[in-house]
Amino acid sequence: DELALIRAVAAIHERVVVVLEGGSALLTAPFEDEVEAVLFAFYPGSEGGHAIAEILFGDASPSGRLPFSIPTEESDLPPFDSVSTEVTYDFFHGYRHLLRERIERGGRAPAHAFGEGLSYTRFELSGLALSRTSIAPGERIEVSARVTNTGGRAGIETVQVYVAPVGSVVPRAPHDLRAFAQVALEPGASATVTLPLDSNDLAYWDVETNGFVVEAIDYEVRLARSSEDVVEAATLSVR
């Protein structure tokens, strides 16, 4: 019924915005090509009406980012079993599952990726740099990048850093979010954002030793706008 209502309104007006309220992924592919915009409000609470109005009327620029990927079809995700008393799920789920399926098995990209989000301005990410290109277990480096507001109004950008192991001996996700930070910028302004990256952020859980392991391999550190939108990359070695 809700899809029918959206389509009926979209058929008689060119500027329709759908506001979604919920606590997990809701499919947008069945209707988003027919509307002007989609705003995910989650459960906004008692002041949600005022906040949504400020976004829709342009009094505030949205700055949220998706904490999950929204698949194109429900079947793109592992089946959900709400009946059985015991369920075993694979290691890969969420954005890691969708990314792995797309890269290794020719699966579909998500309709909207983990970490994705729009605003009323535009940002440019550049200048990815590592304070060191090699570390030992127990050490930490700094990852920095330049952020520029190239649009016409103030806004907030979320800088995301993903890490991809190269040549791991165990099955691992194509990459994992390992650091992020927000920066508020006026139109035309730039700033350098610096994020810490610890060697423990590179670890995986070893079921044989019942502990975390940091492999002595290369890792690709990726500056990105979302899990599906990598801007630049640099190599970090663990010795």
C-alpha atoms as a PDB file:
ATOM      1  CA  ASP A   1       0.000   0.000   0.000  1.00  0.00           C
ATOM      2  CA  GLU A   2       2.833   2.420   0.804  1.00  0.00           C
ATOM      3  CA  LEU A   3       4.539   1.736  -2.549  1.00  0.00           C
ATOM      4  CA  ALA A   4       1.233   2.327  -4.326  1.00  0.00           C
ATOM      5  CA  LEU A   5       0.818   5.634  -2.494  1.00  0.00           C
ATOM      6  CA  ILE A   6       4.328   6.783  -3.433  1.00  0.00           C
ATOM      7  CA  ARG A   7       3.762   5.933  -7.093  1.00  0.00           C
ATOM      8  CA  ALA A   8       0.344   7.631  -7.129  1.00  0.00           C
ATOM      9  CA  VAL A   9       1.758  10.877  -5.707  1.00  0.00           C
ATOM     10  CA  ALA A  10       4.832  10.739  -7.986  1.00  0.00           C
ATOM     11  CA  ALA A  11       2.526  10.371 -10.996  1.00  0.00           C
ATOM     12  CA  ILE A  12       0.894  13.754 -10.357  1.00  0.00           C
ATOM     13  CA  HIS A  13       3.869  15.785  -9.093  1.00  0.00           C
ATOM     14  CA  GLU A  14       7.495  16.081 -10.209  1.00  0.00           C
ATOM     15  CA  ARG A  15       9.015  17.033  -6.843  1.00  0.00           C
ATOM     16  CA  VAL A  16       8.211  14.264  -4.382  1.00  0.00           C
ATOM     17  CA  VAL A  17      10.480  13.472  -1.415  1.00  0.00           C
ATOM     18  CA  VAL A  18      10.085  10.186   0.462  1.00  0.00           C
ATOM     19  CA  VAL A  19      11.005  10.251   4.149  1.00  0.00           C
ATOM     20  CA  LEU A  20      11.793   6.823   5.577  1.00  0.00           C
ATOM     21  CA  GLU A  21      11.555   6.118   9.299  1.00  0.00           C
ATOM     22  CA  GLY A  22      12.889   2.809  10.586  1.00  0.00           C
ATOM     23  CA  GLY A  23      15.740   1.134  12.378  1.00  0.00           C
ATOM     24  CA  SER A  24      17.307  -0.933   9.601  1.00  0.00           C
ATOM     25  CA  ALA A  25      17.669  -1.089   5.823  1.00  0.00           C
ATOM     26  CA  LEU A  26      14.513  -0.386   3.805  1.00  0.00           C
ATOM     27  CA  LEU A  27      14.527  -1.137   0.084  1.00  0.00           C
ATOM     28  CA  THR A  28      14.447   2.022  -2.039  1.00  0.00           C
ATOM     29  CA  ALA A  29      14.897   0.516  -5.529  1.00  0.00           C
ATOM     30  CA  PRO A  30      11.151  -0.111  -6.063  1.00  0.00           C
ATOM     31  CA  PHE A  31      10.366   3.621  -6.017  1.00  0.00           C
ATOM     32  CA  GLU A  32      13.438   5.886  -5.932  1.00  0.00           C
ATOM     33  CA  ASP A  33      13.638   6.400  -9.710  1.00  0.00           C
ATOM     34  CA  GLU A  34      10.154   7.930  -9.548  1.00  0.00           C
ATOM     35  CA  VAL A  35      10.831  10.518  -6.840  1.00  0.00           C
ATOM     36  CA  GLU A  36      13.107  13.527  -6.428  1.00  0.00           C
ATOM     37  CA  ALA A  37      14.853  12.474  -3.227  1.00  0.00           C
ATOM     38  CA  VAL A  38      14.886  10.013  -0.342  1.00  0.00           C
ATOM     39  CA  LEU A  39      15.607  11.067   3.260  1.00  0.00           C
ATOM     40  CA  PHE A  40      16.320   8.349   5.833  1.00  0.00           C
ATOM     41  CA  ALA A  41      15.242   9.747   9.218  1.00  0.00           C
ATOM     42  CA  PHE A  42      15.629   6.528  11.264  1.00  0.00           C
ATOM     43  CA  TYR A  43      13.667   7.055  14.546  1.00  0.00           C
ATOM     44  CA  PRO A  44      14.108  10.813  15.029  1.00  0.00           C
ATOM     45  CA  GLY A  45      12.222  11.241  18.313  1.00  0.00           C
ATOM     46  CA  SER A  46       9.950  14.048  19.507  1.00  0.00           C
ATOM     47  CA  GLU A  47      11.841  16.787  17.639  1.00  0.00           C
ATOM     48  CA  GLY A  48      12.038  14.741  14.441  1.00  0.00           C
ATOM     49  CA  GLY A  49       9.361  16.776  12.685  1.00  0.00           C
ATOM     50  CA  HIS A  50      11.283  20.010  13.187  1.00  0.00           C
ATOM     51  CA  ALA A  51      14.581  18.398  12.116  1.00  0.00           C
ATOM     52  CA  ILE A  52      13.068  16.890   8.964  1.00  0.00           C
ATOM     53  CA  ALA A  53      11.439  20.204   8.068  1.00  0.00           C
ATOM     54  CA  GLU A  54      14.759  22.045   8.440  1.00  0.00           C
ATOM     55  CA  ILE A  55      16.378  19.561   6.054  1.00  0.00           C
ATOM     56  CA  LEU A  56      13.574  19.589   3.470  1.00  0.00           C
ATOM     57  CA  PHE A  57      13.301  23.396   3.394  1.00  0.00           C
ATOM     58  CA  GLY A  58      17.073  23.865   3.206  1.00  0.00           C
ATOM     59  CA  ASP A  59      17.527  25.550   6.596  1.00  0.00           C
ATOM     60  CA  ALA A  60      20.075  22.850   7.461  1.00  0.00           C
ATOM     61  CA  SER A  61      22.298  20.749   5.206  1.00  0.00           C
ATOM     62  CA  PRO A  62      22.054  16.980   5.809  1.00  0.00           C
ATOM     63  CA  SER A  63      25.268  15.340   6.979  1.00  0.00           C
ATOM     64  CA  GLY A  64      24.313  11.814   8.023  1.00  0.00           C
ATOM     65  CA  ARG A  65      25.915   8.687   6.572  1.00  0.00           C
ATOM     66  CA  LEU A  66      24.353   5.254   6.238  1.00  0.00           C
ATOM     67  CA  PRO A  67      25.484   2.808   8.969  1.00  0.00           C
ATOM     68  CA  PHE A  68      24.597  -0.078   6.642  1.00  0.00           C
ATOM     69  CA  SER A  69      24.270  -0.777   2.934  1.00  0.00           C
ATOM     70  CA  ILE A  70      20.818  -0.831   1.358  1.00  0.00           C
ATOM     71  CA  PRO A  71      20.696  -3.727  -1.128  1.00  0.00           C
ATOM     72  CA  THR A  72      19.016  -3.482  -4.495  1.00  0.00           C
ATOM     73  CA  GLU A  73      16.967  -6.598  -3.757  1.00  0.00           C
ATOM     74  CA  GLU A  74      16.260  -8.384  -0.494  1.00  0.00           C
ATOM     75  CA  SER A  75      17.715 -11.561  -2.019  1.00  0.00           C
ATOM     76  CA  ASP A  76      21.131  -9.845  -2.225  1.00  0.00           C
ATOM     77  CA  LEU A  77      21.504 -10.366   1.532  1.00  0.00           C
ATOM     78  CA  PRO A  78      21.766 -13.679   3.404  1.00  0.00           C
ATOM     79  CA  PRO A  79      18.332 -15.074   4.329  1.00  0.00           C
ATOM     80  CA  PHE A  80      16.973 -14.009   7.697  1.00  0.00           C
ATOM     81  CA  ASP A  81      15.636 -16.791   9.908  1.00  0.00           C
ATOM     82  CA  SER A  82      13.361 -15.554  12.713  1.00  0.00           C
ATOM     83  CA  VAL A  83      11.853 -18.961  13.511  1.00  0.00           C
ATOM     84  CA  SER A  84      14.687 -21.377  14.320  1.00  0.00           C
ATOM     85  CA  THR A  85      16.073 -21.578  17.859  1.00  0.00           C
ATOM     86  CA  GLU A  86      19.641 -21.666  16.513  1.00  0.00           C
ATOM     87  CA  VAL A  87      20.990 -20.017  13.354  1.00  0.00           C
ATOM     88  CA  THR A  88      24.555 -20.038  11.977  1.00  0.00           C
ATOM     89  CA  TYR A  89      25.520 -17.042   9.860  1.00  0.00           C
ATOM     90  CA  ASP A  90      28.590 -16.698   7.698  1.00  0.00           C
ATOM     91  CA  PHE A  91      31.440 -14.365   8.629  1.00  0.00           C
ATOM     92  CA  PHE A  92      30.482 -12.073   5.754  1.00  0.00           C
ATOM     93  CA  HIS A  93      27.431  -9.891   6.260  1.00  0.00           C
ATOM     94  CA  GLY A  94      26.303  -6.325   5.684  1.00  0.00           C
ATOM     95  CA  TYR A  95      28.494  -4.163   3.452  1.00  0.00           C
ATOM     96  CA  ARG A  96      31.313  -6.731   3.609  1.00  0.00           C
ATOM     97  CA  HIS A  97      29.014  -9.402   2.196  1.00  0.00           C
ATOM     98  CA  LEU A  98      27.712  -7.184  -0.626  1.00  0.00           C
ATOM     99  CA  LEU A  99      31.209  -5.977  -1.540  1.00  0.00           C
ATOM    100  CA  ARG A 100      32.605  -9.516  -1.588  1.00  0.00           C
ATOM    101  CA  GLU A 101      29.703 -10.807  -3.679  1.00  0.00           C
ATOM    102  CA  ARG A 102      30.206  -8.017  -6.227  1.00  0.00           C
ATOM    103  CA  ILE A 103      33.993  -8.374  -6.491  1.00  0.00           C
ATOM    104  CA  GLU A 104      34.367 -12.154  -6.339  1.00  0.00           C
ATOM    105  CA  ARG A 105      31.069 -13.454  -7.699  1.00  0.00           C
ATOM    106  CA  GLY A 106      29.725 -10.766  -9.995  1.00  0.00           C
ATOM    107  CA  GLY A 107      26.933  -9.775  -7.625  1.00  0.00           C
ATOM    108  CA  ARG A 108      25.005  -6.533  -7.694  1.00  0.00           C
ATOM    109  CA  ALA A 109      26.253  -3.346  -6.118  1.00  0.00           C
ATOM    110  CA  PRO A 110      24.031  -2.005  -3.331  1.00  0.00           C
ATOM    111  CA  ALA A 111      21.401   0.584  -4.119  1.00  0.00           C
ATOM    112  CA  HIS A 112      23.083   2.734  -1.456  1.00  0.00           C
ATOM    113  CA  ALA A 113      26.406   1.891   0.164  1.00  0.00           C
ATOM    114  CA  PHE A 114      27.538   1.838   3.776  1.00  0.00           C
ATOM    115  CA  GLY A 115      28.874   5.310   4.584  1.00  0.00           C
ATOM    116  CA  GLU A 116      26.957   6.998   1.756  1.00  0.00           C
ATOM    117  CA  GLY A 117      25.169  10.323   2.218  1.00  0.00           C
ATOM    118  CA  LEU A 118      24.431  13.548   0.345  1.00  0.00           C
ATOM    119  CA  SER A 119      24.305  17.184   1.401  1.00  0.00           C
ATOM    120  CA  TYR A 120      23.436  20.526  -0.191  1.00  0.00           C
ATOM    121  CA  THR A 121      27.073  21.155  -1.052  1.00  0.00           C
ATOM    122  CA  ARG A 122      29.959  19.168  -2.558  1.00  0.00           C
ATOM    123  CA  PHE A 123      33.273  18.054  -1.116  1.00  0.00           C
ATOM    124  CA  GLU A 124      36.550  17.018  -2.688  1.00  0.00           C
ATOM    125  CA  LEU A 125      38.867  14.542  -0.957  1.00  0.00           C
ATOM    126  CA  SER A 126      42.549  14.443  -1.899  1.00  0.00           C
ATOM    127  CA  GLY A 127      46.128  14.184  -0.663  1.00  0.00           C
ATOM    128  CA  LEU A 128      45.981  10.872   1.187  1.00  0.00           C
ATOM    129  CA  ALA A 129      49.202  10.526   3.212  1.00  0.00           C
ATOM    130  CA  LEU A 130      50.572   8.107   5.806  1.00  0.00           C
ATOM    131  CA  SER A 131      52.926   9.318   8.542  1.00  0.00           C
ATOM    132  CA  ARG A 132      54.905   6.096   7.942  1.00  0.00           C
ATOM    133  CA  THR A 133      54.620   3.360   5.345  1.00  0.00           C
ATOM    134  CA  SER A 134      55.558   0.486   7.655  1.00  0.00           C
ATOM    135  CA  ILE A 135      54.811  -0.392  11.266  1.00  0.00           C
ATOM    136  CA  ALA A 136      55.377  -3.210  13.740  1.00  0.00           C
ATOM    137  CA  PRO A 137      52.673  -4.828  15.885  1.00  0.00           C
ATOM    138  CA  GLY A 138      51.788  -2.494  18.725  1.00  0.00           C
ATOM    139  CA  GLU A 139      52.622   0.661  16.777  1.00  0.00           C
ATOM    140  CA  ARG A 140      50.376   3.378  15.352  1.00  0.00           C
ATOM    141  CA  ILE A 141      50.466   5.692  12.349  1.00  0.00           C
ATOM    142  CA  GLU A 142      48.494   8.748  11.304  1.00  0.00           C
ATOM    143  CA  VAL A 143      46.435   8.927   8.128  1.00  0.00           C
ATOM    144  CA  SER A 144      45.752  12.390   6.743  1.00  0.00           C
ATOM    145  CA  ALA A 145      43.752  13.808   3.850  1.00  0.00           C
ATOM    146  CA  ARG A 146      42.685  17.183   2.499  1.00  0.00           C
ATOM    147  CA  VAL A 147      38.983  18.078   2.401  1.00  0.00           C
ATOM    148  CA  THR A 148      37.652  21.018   0.357  1.00  0.00           C
ATOM    149  CA  ASN A 149      34.087  22.327   0.251  1.00  0.00           C
ATOM    150  CA  THR A 150      33.667  23.007  -3.461  1.00  0.00           C
ATOM    151  CA  GLY A 151      29.966  23.871  -3.222  1.00  0.00           C
ATOM    152  CA  GLY A 152      28.048  27.019  -2.473  1.00  0.00           C
ATOM    153  CA  ARG A 153      27.073  26.566   1.164  1.00  0.00           C
ATOM    154  CA  ALA A 154      28.401  25.327   4.486  1.00  0.00           C
ATOM    155  CA  GLY A 155      28.321  21.624   5.213  1.00  0.00           C
ATOM    156  CA  ILE A 156      29.813  18.674   7.059  1.00  0.00           C
ATOM    157  CA  GLU A 157      31.819  15.923   5.373  1.00  0.00           C
ATOM    158  CA  THR A 158      32.656  12.503   6.835  1.00  0.00           C
ATOM    159  CA  VAL A 159      36.140  11.316   5.906  1.00  0.00           C
ATOM    160  CA  GLN A 160      36.331   7.509   5.840  1.00  0.00           C
ATOM    161  CA  VAL A 161      39.400   5.255   5.859  1.00  0.00           C
ATOM    162  CA  TYR A 162      39.098   1.587   4.895  1.00  0.00           C
ATOM    163  CA  VAL A 163      41.828  -1.045   5.099  1.00  0.00           C
ATOM    164  CA  ALA A 164      42.250  -4.004   2.711  1.00  0.00           C
ATOM    165  CA  PRO A 165      44.675  -6.866   3.501  1.00  0.00           C
ATOM    166  CA  VAL A 166      46.858  -7.993   0.590  1.00  0.00           C
ATOM    167  CA  GLY A 167      47.614 -11.716   0.521  1.00  0.00           C
ATOM    168  CA  SER A 168      46.038 -12.749   3.821  1.00  0.00           C
ATOM    169  CA  VAL A 169      46.206 -16.452   4.727  1.00  0.00           C
ATOM    170  CA  VAL A 170      42.573 -16.425   5.922  1.00  0.00           C
ATOM    171  CA  PRO A 171      39.343 -15.318   4.199  1.00  0.00           C
ATOM    172  CA  ARG A 172      38.810 -11.643   4.960  1.00  0.00           C
ATOM    173  CA  ALA A 173      36.522  -8.874   3.790  1.00  0.00           C
ATOM    174  CA  PRO A 174      37.627  -6.898   0.705  1.00  0.00           C
ATOM    175  CA  HIS A 175      38.078  -3.977   3.084  1.00  0.00           C
ATOM    176  CA  ASP A 176      36.906  -2.777   6.487  1.00  0.00           C
ATOM    177  CA  LEU A 177      36.156   0.688   7.821  1.00  0.00           C
ATOM    178  CA  ARG A 178      38.921   1.419  10.312  1.00  0.00           C
ATOM    179  CA  ALA A 179      38.760   5.197  10.908  1.00  0.00           C
ATOM    180  CA  PHE A 180      36.467   8.142  10.228  1.00  0.00           C
ATOM    181  CA  ALA A 181      36.032  11.773  11.232  1.00  0.00           C
ATOM    182  CA  GLN A 182      33.732  14.687  10.423  1.00  0.00           C
ATOM    183  CA  VAL A 183      34.786  18.181   9.422  1.00  0.00           C
ATOM    184  CA  ALA A 184      32.585  21.279   9.048  1.00  0.00           C
ATOM    185  CA  LEU A 185      33.587  23.673   6.266  1.00  0.00           C
ATOM    186  CA  GLU A 186      32.336  26.951   4.841  1.00  0.00           C
ATOM    187  CA  PRO A 187      32.041  27.283   1.037  1.00  0.00           C
ATOM    188  CA  GLY A 188      35.480  27.234  -0.583  1.00  0.00           C
ATOM    189  CA  ALA A 189      37.265  26.321   2.659  1.00  0.00           C
ATOM    190  CA  SER A 190      39.708  23.433   3.069  1.00  0.00           C
ATOM    191  CA  ALA A 191      41.060  21.495   6.040  1.00  0.00           C
ATOM    192  CA  THR A 192      43.422  18.628   6.711  1.00  0.00           C
ATOM    193  CA  VAL A 193      41.893  15.761   8.640  1.00  0.00           C
ATOM    194  CA  THR A 194      44.192  13.402  10.562  1.00  0.00           C
ATOM    195  CA  LEU A 195      43.047  10.007  11.820  1.00  0.00           C
ATOM    196  CA  PRO A 196      44.940   7.450  13.942  1.00  0.00           C
ATOM    197  CA  LEU A 197      45.392   3.911  12.623  1.00  0.00           C
ATOM    198  CA  ASP A 198      46.641   1.308  15.096  1.00  0.00           C
ATOM    199  CA  SER A 199      48.243  -1.991  14.147  1.00  0.00           C
ATOM    200  CA  ASN A 200      45.467  -3.694  16.115  1.00  0.00           C
ATOM    201  CA  ASP A 201      43.014  -2.252  13.577  1.00  0.00           C
ATOM    202  CA  LEU A 202      44.608  -4.625  11.044  1.00  0.00           C
ATOM    203  CA  ALA A 203      44.083  -7.778  13.098  1.00  0.00           C
ATOM    204  CA  TYR A 204      41.807 -10.750  12.561  1.00  0.00           C
ATOM    205  CA  TRP A 205      40.465 -13.194  15.155  1.00  0.00           C
ATOM    206  CA  ASP A 206      42.246 -16.557  15.042  1.00  0.00           C
ATOM    207  CA  VAL A 207      39.897 -19.336  16.161  1.00  0.00           C
ATOM    208  CA  GLU A 208      42.844 -21.734  16.642  1.00  0.00           C
ATOM    209  CA  THR A 209      44.754 -19.564  19.129  1.00  0.00           C
ATOM    210  CA  ASN A 210      41.627 -17.813  20.444  1.00  0.00           C
ATOM    211  CA  GLY A 211      43.222 -14.408  19.958  1.00  0.00           C
ATOM    212  CA  PHE A 212      43.813 -11.564  17.533  1.00  0.00           C
ATOM    213  CA  VAL A 213      46.584 -11.854  14.937  1.00  0.00           C
ATOM    214  CA  VAL A 214      48.270  -9.030  12.997  1.00  0.00           C
ATOM    215  CA  GLU A 215      49.683 -10.515   9.807  1.00  0.00           C
ATOM    216  CA  ALA A 216      53.071  -9.338   8.548  1.00  0.00           C
ATOM    217  CA  ILE A 217      51.770  -8.439   5.086  1.00  0.00           C
ATOM    218  CA  ASP A 218      50.898  -5.332   3.084  1.00  0.00           C
ATOM    219  CA  TYR A 219      47.643  -3.466   3.645  1.00  0.00           C
ATOM    220  CA  GLU A 220      46.003  -0.998   1.294  1.00  0.00           C
ATOM    221  CA  VAL A 221      44.780   2.073   3.159  1.00  0.00           C
ATOM    222  CA  ARG A 222      41.874   3.602   1.253  1.00  0.00           C
ATOM    223  CA  LEU A 223      40.451   7.108   1.476  1.00  0.00           C
ATOM    224  CA  ALA A 224      36.760   6.867   0.570  1.00  0.00           C
ATOM    225  CA  ARG A 225      33.367   8.529   0.511  1.00  0.00           C
ATOM    226  CA  SER A 226      31.649   5.212   1.195  1.00  0.00           C
ATOM    227  CA  SER A 227      32.364   1.488   1.156  1.00  0.00           C
ATOM    228  CA  GLU A 228      31.842   1.542  -2.624  1.00  0.00           C
ATOM    229  CA  ASP A 229      33.488   4.885  -3.492  1.00  0.00           C
ATOM    230  CA  VAL A 230      37.271   4.825  -2.965  1.00  0.00           C
ATOM    231  CA  VAL A 231      39.092   8.068  -3.866  1.00  0.00           C
ATOM    232  CA  GLU A 232      42.779   7.301  -3.205  1.00  0.00           C
ATOM    233  CA  ALA A 233      44.888   4.472  -1.762  1.00  0.00           C
ATOM    234  CA  ALA A 234      48.321   3.989  -0.183  1.00  0.00           C
ATOM    235  CA  THR A 235      50.245   0.893   0.937  1.00  0.00           C
ATOM    236  CA  LEU A 236      51.137   0.173   4.556  1.00  0.00           C
ATOM    237  CA  SER A 237      53.443  -2.736   5.458  1.00  0.00           C
ATOM    238  CA  VAL A 238      53.544  -4.612   8.760  1.00  0.00           C
ATOM    239  CA  ARG A 239      57.034  -5.919   9.441  1.00  0.00           C
END
